Amino acid sequence: MNTTKTIKSALISVFSKDGLEPIVRKLHEQNVTFYSTGGTEEFIKNLGIPVTPVEDVTSYPSILGGRVKTLHPKVFGGILNRQDNESDVQQMKEFDIPQIDLVIVDLYPFEKTVASGASEADIIEKIDIGGISLIRAAAKNFKDTAIVASMDQYSLFLDMISTQNGATTLEDRKLLATKAFHVSSHYDGAIFNYFNTDETIYKASIENGQVLRYGENPHQKGFFFGDFEAMFTKVHGKELSYNNLLDVDAAVNLIHEFKTDGPTFAILKHNNACGLATRETISEAYNVALACDSTSAFGGVLIANTTIDVATANEINKLFCEVVIAPSYDAEAIAILQEKKNRIILIQNEVELPQKQVRTCLNGLLIQERNNITDTKADLKTVTLTAPTEQEIKDLIFASKVCKNTKSNTIVFAKNGTLISSGTGQTSRVDALLQAIDKAKAFGFSLEGASMASDAFFPFPDCVEIAKKAGITAVIQPGGSIKDELSINYCNENNLAMVFTGTRHFKH
């Protein structure tokens, strides 16, 4: 059986007419009969091309302010009839139903209307009924009917009919049907999410996923689903890898904590900060951040909370790094950074970050609210006889911000707006603490007078004891252990200041 079908008739009903003209003209060249409604009908007429109003087919006018136009058995019969079914063929003749071989639809812009801040009444009117029904009907009957469900598919379809002289193969129609069901499901998902208030239901549909070179490792496929161009303007460099994107995500979340602080520079490696500092200038902040761990900084991701100037760019240029991110750059600074061919340079745009975090787990998903709590001075409860100094309070808050964005279990040391060292991703809090101490020693940093942050409480006094002996003078932690008093008592006996925040910041 020949499954290639030549298009002889088309129903066109679109919201946007952009890009439609070449298709209409090509179909007209191929002697296709047109059916249409409203504005689309006028559009085709104005091209000087004959078109039959749907009302002439249905003998029924457009009613209810245009809400009901194409919803009629003579329209849907023309789309849904099975051309190899004898009963369908007879009924088409009996009820004088015209064959419709092609349906072209562009839906009302529901998502754009929601994003515009329009009223609920306007949003409701942008829920397409006839269009979505036409899409589903034509896609269901792909065996006989071709469906173009979005202006995004115009180019693909025009190429089909141009190279095949107005014909489509079964494979063509099945491909178009697949794309059509994506359009309809995405559209319905957007409508549902607009109405939905039940947090136990999760629906997501993201278009135009980006194929990455590979996933976390070369043997794994990788994809990114998101609007990268909305978040960043890429001005230089190679394509971002799966791991690059993970590090960029970590960098963006970390620097967000310092959005309103002075010039701050962070260097990240494998999702954790290996250097971070706040100073009077961004150049000074970079140099101090680099000194925190110049070894790990090699091949890292760099991010600033303010403009990168020439002085900073010259310093960065001495380092091999994968990605540089900033809200803006001096023109000369960009030119300097572009000297390294593969270095990725991103301008971070002002975009609200997603408020839900999603990850796979077992045979499903784990979803949680974003951790939007950043510890502040007002949150601190001094639980020891010794109170932290003003400088220690600043360092405690600084350390807490880094700690929140570091893999658990973690301990962070900070002093004078500088990350001294951290212990990351350890199976015990003591191990994290010892790792941080050893790392500080390895890079020649004194911990005398430094402040310490922990992402969770201390179940025993061993951590504060080890910290005190290493030179730590102030500690920030959430509190909440049944044995808090043991740690508090040790601090009181040894003139160590400790504050509770009441908020745990695990990052598993």
Protein backbone atom coordinates (compact mmCIF):
# COMPACT_ATOMS: atom_id res chain seq x y z
CA MET A 1 0.00 0.00 0.00
CA ASN A 2 1.31 3.43 -0.96
CA THR A 3 1.49 5.56 2.22
CA THR A 4 2.78 8.69 0.48
CA LYS A 5 -0.08 11.15 0.17
CA THR A 6 -0.39 14.32 -1.89
CA ILE A 7 -2.01 17.24 -0.09
CA LYS A 8 -5.12 18.39 -1.92
CA SER A 9 -6.85 20.39 0.83
CA ALA A 10 -5.76 22.31 3.91
CA LEU A 11 -7.44 23.88 6.93
CA ILE A 12 -5.42 26.80 8.28
CA SER A 13 -6.29 28.53 11.56
CA VAL A 14 -3.43 30.42 13.22
CA PHE A 15 -3.00 33.14 15.82
CA SER A 16 0.27 34.52 14.45
CA LYS A 17 0.61 34.90 10.69
CA ASP A 18 4.42 35.30 10.85
CA GLY A 19 6.15 32.94 8.44
CA LEU A 20 2.90 31.58 7.01
CA GLU A 21 3.02 33.26 3.58
CA PRO A 22 5.68 31.03 1.92
CA ILE A 23 3.74 27.89 2.89
CA VAL A 24 0.43 29.24 1.60
CA ARG A 25 2.01 30.31 -1.69
CA LYS A 26 3.76 26.96 -2.14
CA LEU A 27 0.55 25.02 -1.42
CA HIS A 28 -1.33 27.29 -3.83
CA GLU A 29 1.26 26.48 -6.52
CA GLN A 30 0.46 22.82 -5.83
CA ASN A 31 -3.27 23.41 -6.37
CA VAL A 32 -4.30 22.90 -2.75
CA THR A 33 -7.81 23.96 -1.70
CA PHE A 34 -7.84 26.20 1.40
CA TYR A 35 -10.34 26.35 4.27
CA SER A 36 -9.97 28.96 6.97
CA THR A 37 -11.58 31.27 9.51
CA GLY A 38 -11.47 34.85 10.71
CA GLY A 39 -8.13 36.64 10.54
CA THR A 40 -6.36 33.76 8.83
CA GLU A 41 -9.00 33.71 6.10
CA GLU A 42 -8.48 37.44 5.53
CA PHE A 43 -4.71 36.93 5.46
CA ILE A 44 -4.98 34.32 2.70
CA LYS A 45 -7.46 36.47 0.72
CA ASN A 46 -5.07 39.42 0.90
CA LEU A 47 -2.41 37.27 -0.75
CA GLY A 48 -4.76 36.99 -3.70
CA ILE A 49 -5.33 33.30 -3.08
CA PRO A 50 -8.81 31.71 -3.04
CA VAL A 51 -10.00 30.43 0.35
CA THR A 52 -13.27 28.85 1.48
CA PRO A 53 -14.66 30.10 4.81
CA VAL A 54 -15.27 27.27 7.28
CA GLU A 55 -18.78 28.70 7.72
CA ASP A 56 -19.54 27.71 4.12
CA VAL A 57 -18.62 24.13 4.96
CA THR A 58 -20.49 23.91 8.25
CA SER A 59 -23.43 26.19 7.35
CA TYR A 60 -22.89 27.58 10.85
CA PRO A 61 -21.43 31.00 11.73
CA SER A 62 -18.64 31.74 14.16
CA ILE A 63 -20.41 32.22 17.51
CA LEU A 64 -19.81 33.28 21.12
CA GLY A 65 -17.31 35.96 20.19
CA GLY A 66 -15.21 33.56 18.16
CA ARG A 67 -15.03 30.90 20.87
CA VAL A 68 -16.75 28.41 18.56
CA LYS A 69 -15.67 28.37 14.90
CA THR A 70 -14.19 25.06 13.78
CA LEU A 71 -15.85 22.76 16.35
CA HIS A 72 -18.18 20.99 13.95
CA PRO A 73 -18.60 17.41 12.61
CA LYS A 74 -18.00 18.53 9.03
CA VAL A 75 -14.59 19.90 10.05
CA PHE A 76 -13.54 17.07 12.34
CA GLY A 77 -15.02 14.44 10.05
CA GLY A 78 -12.83 15.78 7.26
CA ILE A 79 -9.78 15.44 9.50
CA LEU A 80 -10.50 12.19 11.32
CA ASN A 81 -11.91 10.00 8.55
CA ARG A 82 -9.97 6.84 7.73
CA GLN A 83 -9.45 6.77 4.01
CA ASP A 84 -9.06 2.98 3.93
CA ASN A 85 -12.25 2.40 5.93
CA GLU A 86 -15.26 1.73 3.69
CA SER A 87 -17.81 2.90 6.28
CA ASP A 88 -15.92 6.20 6.79
CA VAL A 89 -15.75 6.74 3.02
CA GLN A 90 -19.50 6.20 2.67
CA GLN A 91 -20.32 8.56 5.55
CA MET A 92 -18.10 11.26 4.07
CA LYS A 93 -20.29 11.08 0.93
CA GLU A 94 -23.56 10.78 2.85
CA PHE A 95 -22.97 13.88 4.95
CA ASP A 96 -21.13 15.86 2.28
CA ILE A 97 -17.95 16.20 4.34
CA PRO A 98 -14.90 17.61 2.52
CA GLN A 99 -11.60 15.76 2.87
CA ILE A 100 -8.95 17.71 4.82
CA ASP A 101 -5.42 16.45 4.20
CA LEU A 102 -3.52 19.10 6.12
CA VAL A 103 -4.15 21.15 9.25
CA ILE A 104 -1.98 24.16 10.17
CA VAL A 105 -2.48 25.69 13.62
CA ASP A 106 -0.68 28.24 15.78
CA LEU A 107 -2.27 28.37 19.24
CA TYR A 108 -3.27 31.40 21.27
CA PRO A 109 -0.18 32.56 23.21
CA PHE A 110 -1.19 31.39 26.69
CA GLU A 111 2.30 31.37 28.27
CA LYS A 112 3.21 34.79 26.86
CA THR A 113 -0.05 36.22 28.16
CA VAL A 114 0.64 34.86 31.66
CA ALA A 115 4.21 36.19 31.56
CA SER A 116 2.94 39.64 30.54
CA GLY A 117 1.10 40.04 33.84
CA ALA A 118 -2.29 40.18 32.13
CA SER A 119 -5.54 39.89 34.06
CA GLU A 120 -7.06 36.50 34.77
CA ALA A 121 -9.89 37.25 32.32
CA ASP A 122 -7.40 37.93 29.51
CA ILE A 123 -5.43 34.80 30.40
CA ILE A 124 -8.56 32.62 30.32
CA GLU A 125 -9.44 33.94 26.86
CA LYS A 126 -6.04 32.78 25.66
CA ILE A 127 -6.85 29.15 26.43
CA ASP A 128 -7.23 27.77 22.92
CA ILE A 129 -10.08 25.30 22.41
CA GLY A 130 -10.62 24.91 18.68
CA GLY A 131 -6.91 24.96 17.85
CA ILE A 132 -5.95 22.34 20.41
CA SER A 133 -8.81 20.12 19.23
CA LEU A 134 -7.69 20.41 15.61
CA ILE A 135 -4.14 19.50 16.61
CA ARG A 136 -5.20 16.39 18.52
CA ALA A 137 -7.56 15.22 15.79
CA ALA A 138 -5.05 15.61 12.96
CA ALA A 139 -2.23 14.07 15.01
CA LYS A 140 -4.40 11.08 15.93
CA ASN A 141 -5.16 10.49 12.25
CA PHE A 142 -1.55 10.91 11.07
CA LYS A 143 -2.02 7.89 8.85
CA ASP A 144 -4.02 10.11 6.50
CA THR A 145 -3.65 13.71 7.75
CA ALA A 146 -0.63 15.99 8.12
CA ILE A 147 -0.50 18.40 11.07
CA VAL A 148 1.65 21.50 11.51
CA ALA A 149 1.04 22.51 15.12
CA SER A 150 3.29 25.51 15.57
CA MET A 151 5.04 28.20 13.57
CA ASP A 152 8.28 26.62 14.82
CA GLN A 153 7.55 23.76 12.38
CA TYR A 154 6.91 25.92 9.31
CA SER A 155 10.43 25.59 7.95
CA LEU A 156 10.44 21.80 8.34
CA PHE A 157 7.08 21.46 6.62
CA LEU A 158 7.92 23.85 3.79
CA ASP A 159 11.00 21.79 3.04
CA MET A 160 8.88 18.61 2.97
CA ILE A 161 6.35 19.87 0.46
CA SER A 162 8.97 21.65 -1.65
CA THR A 163 11.21 18.61 -2.08
CA GLN A 164 8.30 16.15 -2.44
CA ASN A 165 6.03 18.29 -4.64
CA GLY A 166 3.22 18.62 -2.08
CA ALA A 167 3.39 15.05 -0.81
CA THR A 168 4.15 13.64 2.64
CA THR A 169 5.27 10.17 3.61
CA LEU A 170 3.86 8.20 6.53
CA GLU A 171 7.16 8.86 8.36
CA ASP A 172 6.76 12.60 7.72
CA ARG A 173 3.23 12.62 9.11
CA LYS A 174 4.19 10.56 12.14
CA LEU A 175 7.06 12.96 12.88
CA LEU A 176 4.69 15.93 12.58
CA ALA A 177 2.17 14.15 14.83
CA THR A 178 4.85 13.58 17.46
CA LYS A 179 5.73 17.26 17.42
CA ALA A 180 2.02 18.10 17.57
CA PHE A 181 1.43 16.00 20.69
CA HIS A 182 4.38 17.77 22.29
CA VAL A 183 2.76 21.12 21.47
CA SER A 184 -0.59 20.04 22.92
CA SER A 185 0.85 18.44 26.08
CA HIS A 186 3.17 21.40 26.71
CA TYR A 187 0.27 23.79 26.26
CA ASP A 188 -2.00 21.87 28.61
CA GLY A 189 0.83 21.59 31.14
CA ALA A 190 1.26 25.36 31.16
CA ILE A 191 -2.46 25.86 31.69
CA PHE A 192 -2.52 23.30 34.51
CA ASN A 193 0.47 24.89 36.26
CA TYR A 194 -1.24 28.28 36.06
CA PHE A 195 -4.26 26.93 37.93
CA ASN A 196 -2.61 24.35 40.17
CA THR A 197 -2.15 24.93 43.91
CA ASP A 198 -1.61 21.30 44.90
CA GLU A 199 2.09 20.88 45.65
CA THR A 200 1.81 17.09 45.55
CA ILE A 201 1.35 17.25 41.77
CA TYR A 202 4.38 18.06 39.61
CA LYS A 203 4.26 18.70 35.88
CA ALA A 204 7.08 20.10 33.80
CA SER A 205 7.56 20.52 30.08
CA ILE A 206 10.69 22.16 28.74
CA GLU A 207 11.26 22.67 25.03
CA ASN A 208 14.43 22.79 22.99
CA GLY A 209 16.77 20.73 25.13
CA GLN A 210 20.44 21.29 24.33
CA VAL A 211 22.49 18.25 23.39
CA LEU A 212 25.79 18.31 25.28
CA ARG A 213 29.03 16.70 24.17
CA TYR A 214 28.49 14.08 26.86
CA GLY A 215 27.29 13.78 30.44
CA GLU A 216 29.27 13.64 33.66
CA ASN A 217 31.60 11.15 31.94
CA PRO A 218 32.36 10.61 28.25
CA HIS A 219 30.37 7.36 28.05
CA GLN A 220 27.16 9.09 29.25
CA LYS A 221 24.78 11.09 27.06
CA GLY A 222 24.01 14.56 28.40
CA PHE A 223 21.33 17.18 27.81
CA PHE A 224 20.47 20.59 29.25
CA PHE A 225 16.86 21.70 29.46
CA GLY A 226 16.59 25.37 30.28
CA ASP A 227 16.88 28.89 28.92
CA PHE A 228 20.62 29.44 29.20
CA GLU A 229 20.44 32.56 27.00
CA ALA A 230 18.05 34.20 29.47
CA MET A 231 20.53 33.77 32.32
CA PHE A 232 23.76 34.50 30.48
CA THR A 233 25.19 36.27 27.49
CA LYS A 234 28.07 34.17 26.23
CA VAL A 235 30.73 36.40 24.71
CA HIS A 236 33.55 33.92 24.18
CA GLY A 237 34.65 30.34 24.38
CA LYS A 238 33.72 26.75 23.63
CA GLU A 239 30.44 25.01 24.38
CA LEU A 240 29.74 24.39 28.03
CA SER A 241 29.91 20.78 29.15
CA TYR A 242 27.65 18.96 31.60
CA ASN A 243 30.20 19.47 34.38
CA ASN A 244 30.73 23.11 33.39
CA LEU A 245 27.02 23.70 33.83
CA LEU A 246 27.00 22.07 37.26
CA ASP A 247 29.89 24.31 38.36
CA VAL A 248 28.26 27.40 36.86
CA ASP A 249 25.08 26.59 38.77
CA ALA A 250 27.03 26.25 42.02
CA ALA A 251 28.88 29.51 41.31
CA VAL A 252 25.67 31.44 40.62
CA ASN A 253 24.04 30.16 43.81
CA LEU A 254 27.11 30.99 45.89
CA ILE A 255 27.65 34.52 44.59
CA HIS A 256 23.93 35.21 45.09
CA GLU A 257 24.63 35.10 48.83
CA PHE A 258 27.00 38.05 48.39
CA LYS A 259 24.84 40.05 45.99
CA THR A 260 24.57 43.07 48.28
CA ASP A 261 28.07 42.79 49.77
CA GLY A 262 31.17 44.67 48.67
CA PRO A 263 33.29 43.46 45.72
CA THR A 264 33.38 39.68 46.10
CA PHE A 265 35.17 37.07 44.02
CA ALA A 266 34.70 33.29 44.23
CA ILE A 267 36.58 30.41 42.65
CA LEU A 268 34.86 27.03 42.50
CA LYS A 269 35.99 23.51 41.72
CA HIS A 270 33.67 20.51 41.60
CA ASN A 271 30.75 22.58 42.92
CA ASN A 272 32.61 23.80 46.03
CA ALA A 273 34.34 27.10 46.71
CA CYS A 274 38.12 26.77 46.89
CA GLY A 275 38.60 30.54 47.18
CA LEU A 276 36.39 33.47 48.15
CA ALA A 277 37.02 36.95 49.39
CA THR A 278 35.36 40.34 49.84
CA ARG A 279 37.55 43.42 49.49
CA GLU A 280 37.49 47.11 48.53
CA THR A 281 38.19 46.31 44.86
CA ILE A 282 37.34 43.29 42.73
CA SER A 283 41.01 42.94 41.75
CA GLU A 284 42.06 42.63 45.36
CA ALA A 285 39.18 40.21 46.04
CA TYR A 286 40.35 37.99 43.17
CA ASN A 287 43.97 37.87 44.29
CA VAL A 288 43.00 37.02 47.86
CA ALA A 289 40.51 34.37 46.67
CA LEU A 290 43.16 32.79 44.46
CA ALA A 291 45.62 32.64 47.36
CA CYS A 292 43.12 30.56 49.37
CA ASP A 293 43.88 27.51 47.21
CA SER A 294 45.81 28.24 44.05
CA THR A 295 46.15 24.51 43.33
CA SER A 296 42.42 23.77 43.17
CA ALA A 297 41.79 27.00 41.26
CA PHE A 298 43.48 25.46 38.19
CA GLY A 299 40.70 24.66 35.71
CA GLY A 300 38.05 26.18 37.96
CA VAL A 301 35.03 28.42 37.51
CA LEU A 302 35.47 32.08 38.48
CA ILE A 303 32.63 34.43 39.40
CA ALA A 304 32.40 38.05 40.55
CA ASN A 305 29.49 40.03 41.98
CA THR A 306 30.53 43.23 40.20
CA THR A 307 32.26 44.49 37.04
CA ILE A 308 35.54 42.80 36.12
CA ASP A 309 38.02 45.53 35.25
CA VAL A 310 41.31 45.50 33.37
CA ALA A 311 43.44 44.95 36.47
CA THR A 312 41.39 41.88 37.43
CA ALA A 313 41.38 40.52 33.87
CA ASN A 314 45.17 40.77 33.69
CA GLU A 315 45.45 38.69 36.86
CA ILE A 316 42.87 36.14 35.73
CA ASN A 317 44.72 35.76 32.43
CA LYS A 318 47.65 34.21 34.29
CA LEU A 319 45.44 31.32 35.41
CA PHE A 320 44.06 28.42 33.40
CA CYS A 321 40.34 28.48 34.14
CA GLU A 322 37.31 27.05 32.37
CA VAL A 323 34.70 29.77 32.93
CA VAL A 324 34.61 33.43 34.01
CA ILE A 325 31.27 34.95 35.09
CA ALA A 326 30.39 38.52 36.00
CA PRO A 327 27.43 40.90 35.70
CA SER A 328 29.55 43.10 33.41
CA TYR A 329 33.08 43.66 32.09
CA ASP A 330 35.12 46.61 30.97
CA ALA A 331 35.58 46.40 27.20
CA GLU A 332 39.35 46.07 27.54
CA ALA A 333 38.89 43.38 30.17
CA ILE A 334 36.90 41.20 27.76
CA ALA A 335 39.57 41.62 25.10
CA ILE A 336 42.21 40.43 27.57
CA LEU A 337 40.19 37.42 28.70
CA GLN A 338 39.50 36.45 25.07
CA GLU A 339 43.21 35.86 24.51
CA LYS A 340 42.64 32.29 25.72
CA LYS A 341 40.73 30.60 22.89
CA ASN A 342 38.66 28.08 24.84
CA ARG A 343 37.98 30.16 27.95
CA ILE A 344 34.23 30.63 28.41
CA ILE A 345 33.23 34.22 29.27
CA LEU A 346 29.69 34.78 30.52
CA ILE A 347 27.77 37.93 31.40
CA GLN A 348 25.25 37.04 34.09
CA ASN A 349 21.85 38.62 33.55
CA GLU A 350 19.32 39.50 36.24
CA VAL A 351 17.07 36.45 36.26
CA GLU A 352 15.04 35.05 39.14
CA LEU A 353 16.30 31.59 40.07
CA PRO A 354 13.85 28.66 40.19
CA GLN A 355 12.11 28.28 43.54
CA LYS A 356 11.90 24.49 43.30
CA GLN A 357 14.87 22.13 43.12
CA VAL A 358 14.39 18.82 41.34
CA ARG A 359 16.61 15.74 41.24
CA THR A 360 16.09 12.08 40.37
CA CYS A 361 15.80 9.61 43.24
CA LEU A 362 15.22 5.84 42.98
CA ASN A 363 12.42 5.45 40.43
CA GLY A 364 11.10 8.98 40.84
CA LEU A 365 11.96 12.55 41.76
CA LEU A 366 12.79 14.50 44.88
CA ILE A 367 11.50 18.07 44.88
CA GLN A 368 12.10 20.72 47.49
CA GLU A 369 11.84 24.45 47.96
CA ARG A 370 15.00 26.43 47.33
CA ASN A 371 16.93 27.18 50.51
CA ASN A 372 16.23 30.91 50.57
CA ILE A 373 17.43 31.51 54.13
CA THR A 374 20.73 33.31 54.44
CA ASP A 375 21.93 33.70 58.01
CA THR A 376 22.09 37.32 59.16
CA LYS A 377 23.22 39.14 62.28
CA ALA A 378 19.60 39.32 63.45
CA ASP A 379 19.38 35.49 63.39
CA LEU A 380 22.30 34.97 65.74
CA LYS A 381 21.74 33.84 69.31
CA THR A 382 24.84 34.01 71.48
CA VAL A 383 24.80 30.90 73.70
CA THR A 384 28.17 31.37 75.41
CA LEU A 385 29.48 33.73 78.09
CA THR A 386 31.93 35.11 75.54
CA ALA A 387 30.20 37.09 72.81
CA PRO A 388 31.68 37.42 69.32
CA THR A 389 33.24 40.74 68.36
CA GLU A 390 31.79 42.83 65.51
CA GLN A 391 34.51 41.56 63.19
CA GLU A 392 33.87 37.98 64.27
CA ILE A 393 30.16 38.44 63.58
CA LYS A 394 30.98 39.57 60.04
CA ASP A 395 33.29 36.58 59.58
CA LEU A 396 30.72 34.17 61.03
CA ILE A 397 28.08 35.37 58.55
CA PHE A 398 30.64 35.19 55.73
CA ALA A 399 31.60 31.62 56.70
CA SER A 400 27.95 30.62 57.01
CA LYS A 401 27.19 31.78 53.45
CA VAL A 402 30.03 29.66 52.10
CA CYS A 403 29.05 26.73 54.32
CA LYS A 404 25.47 26.77 53.02
CA ASN A 405 26.77 26.33 49.47
CA THR A 406 29.33 23.61 50.22
CA LYS A 407 28.77 19.84 50.15
CA SER A 408 27.95 18.28 53.55
CA ASN A 409 29.39 17.44 55.95
CA THR A 410 31.31 20.68 55.88
CA ILE A 411 33.33 22.99 58.06
CA VAL A 412 34.38 26.45 56.86
CA PHE A 413 37.04 28.77 58.30
CA ALA A 414 36.97 32.50 57.54
CA LYS A 415 38.79 35.61 58.69
CA ASN A 416 38.53 39.25 57.62
CA GLY A 417 36.17 38.54 54.73
CA THR A 418 38.31 35.69 53.40
CA LEU A 419 37.75 31.96 53.03
CA ILE A 420 40.75 30.40 54.80
CA SER A 421 39.88 26.76 54.14
CA SER A 422 37.06 24.24 54.24
CA GLY A 423 36.45 20.55 54.79
CA THR A 424 33.90 19.34 52.27
CA GLY A 425 31.77 16.28 51.69
CA GLN A 426 33.07 14.23 54.59
CA THR A 427 31.29 11.35 56.31
CA SER A 428 31.84 12.86 59.76
CA ARG A 429 31.95 16.42 61.04
CA VAL A 430 35.26 15.73 62.80
CA ASP A 431 36.76 14.55 59.50
CA ALA A 432 35.55 17.74 57.82
CA LEU A 433 37.09 19.81 60.61
CA LEU A 434 40.43 18.02 60.46
CA GLN A 435 40.50 18.32 56.68
CA ALA A 436 39.94 22.08 56.92
CA ILE A 437 42.70 22.45 59.53
CA ASP A 438 45.17 20.41 57.46
CA LYS A 439 44.36 22.40 54.35
CA ALA A 440 44.90 25.73 56.12
CA LYS A 441 48.29 24.49 57.33
CA ALA A 442 49.22 23.23 53.85
CA PHE A 443 48.73 26.72 52.39
CA GLY A 444 50.44 28.46 55.30
CA PHE A 445 47.37 30.11 56.84
CA SER A 446 47.14 30.78 60.55
CA LEU A 447 43.80 30.00 62.16
CA GLU A 448 44.47 32.26 65.15
CA GLY A 449 41.43 34.51 65.52
CA ALA A 450 39.53 32.83 62.68
CA SER A 451 35.81 32.01 62.75
CA MET A 452 34.27 28.61 62.04
CA ALA A 453 30.95 27.63 60.47
CA SER A 454 29.29 24.22 60.53
CA ASP A 455 26.34 23.25 58.33
CA ALA A 456 24.77 21.21 61.17
CA PHE A 457 24.94 20.90 64.94
CA PHE A 458 27.72 19.29 66.98
CA PRO A 459 26.55 16.07 68.66
CA PHE A 460 29.64 16.10 70.91
CA PRO A 461 32.07 18.76 72.19
CA ASP A 462 35.00 17.26 70.23
CA CYS A 463 34.62 19.70 67.30
CA VAL A 464 34.76 22.87 69.40
CA GLU A 465 37.69 21.42 71.35
CA ILE A 466 39.68 20.68 68.18
CA ALA A 467 38.75 24.07 66.74
CA LYS A 468 39.86 25.94 69.86
CA LYS A 469 43.21 24.19 69.89
CA ALA A 470 43.66 25.16 66.21
CA GLY A 471 43.17 28.87 67.04
CA ILE A 472 39.45 29.40 66.31
CA THR A 473 37.83 32.10 68.46
CA ALA A 474 34.21 32.11 67.27
CA VAL A 475 31.79 29.45 66.01
CA ILE A 476 28.46 29.56 64.14
CA GLN A 477 26.20 26.52 63.99
CA PRO A 478 22.45 25.81 63.90
CA GLY A 479 22.20 24.22 67.35
CA GLY A 480 19.53 21.66 68.15
CA SER A 481 21.52 18.71 69.51
CA ILE A 482 20.33 17.12 72.75
CA LYS A 483 23.95 17.48 73.81
CA ASP A 484 24.34 21.20 72.90
CA GLU A 485 25.22 21.96 76.50
CA LEU A 486 28.40 19.87 76.26
CA SER A 487 29.73 22.10 73.46
CA ILE A 488 28.49 25.27 75.18
CA ASN A 489 30.18 24.28 78.46
CA TYR A 490 33.50 23.65 76.71
CA CYS A 491 33.30 27.05 74.99
CA ASN A 492 32.53 28.78 78.29
CA GLU A 493 35.46 27.08 79.99
CA ASN A 494 37.82 28.10 77.18
CA ASN A 495 36.67 31.64 76.25
CA LEU A 496 35.27 30.56 72.87
CA ALA A 497 32.33 32.51 71.42
CA MET A 498 29.52 30.48 69.87
CA VAL A 499 26.25 31.50 68.22
CA PHE A 500 23.23 29.46 67.14
CA THR A 501 21.20 30.28 64.03
CA GLY A 502 18.38 27.76 64.35
CA THR A 503 18.76 26.91 60.64
CA ARG A 504 20.53 23.86 59.27
CA HIS A 505 22.14 24.16 55.82
CA PHE A 506 22.76 20.61 54.62
CA LYS A 507 23.73 20.25 50.96
CA HIS A 508 23.90 16.55 50.21
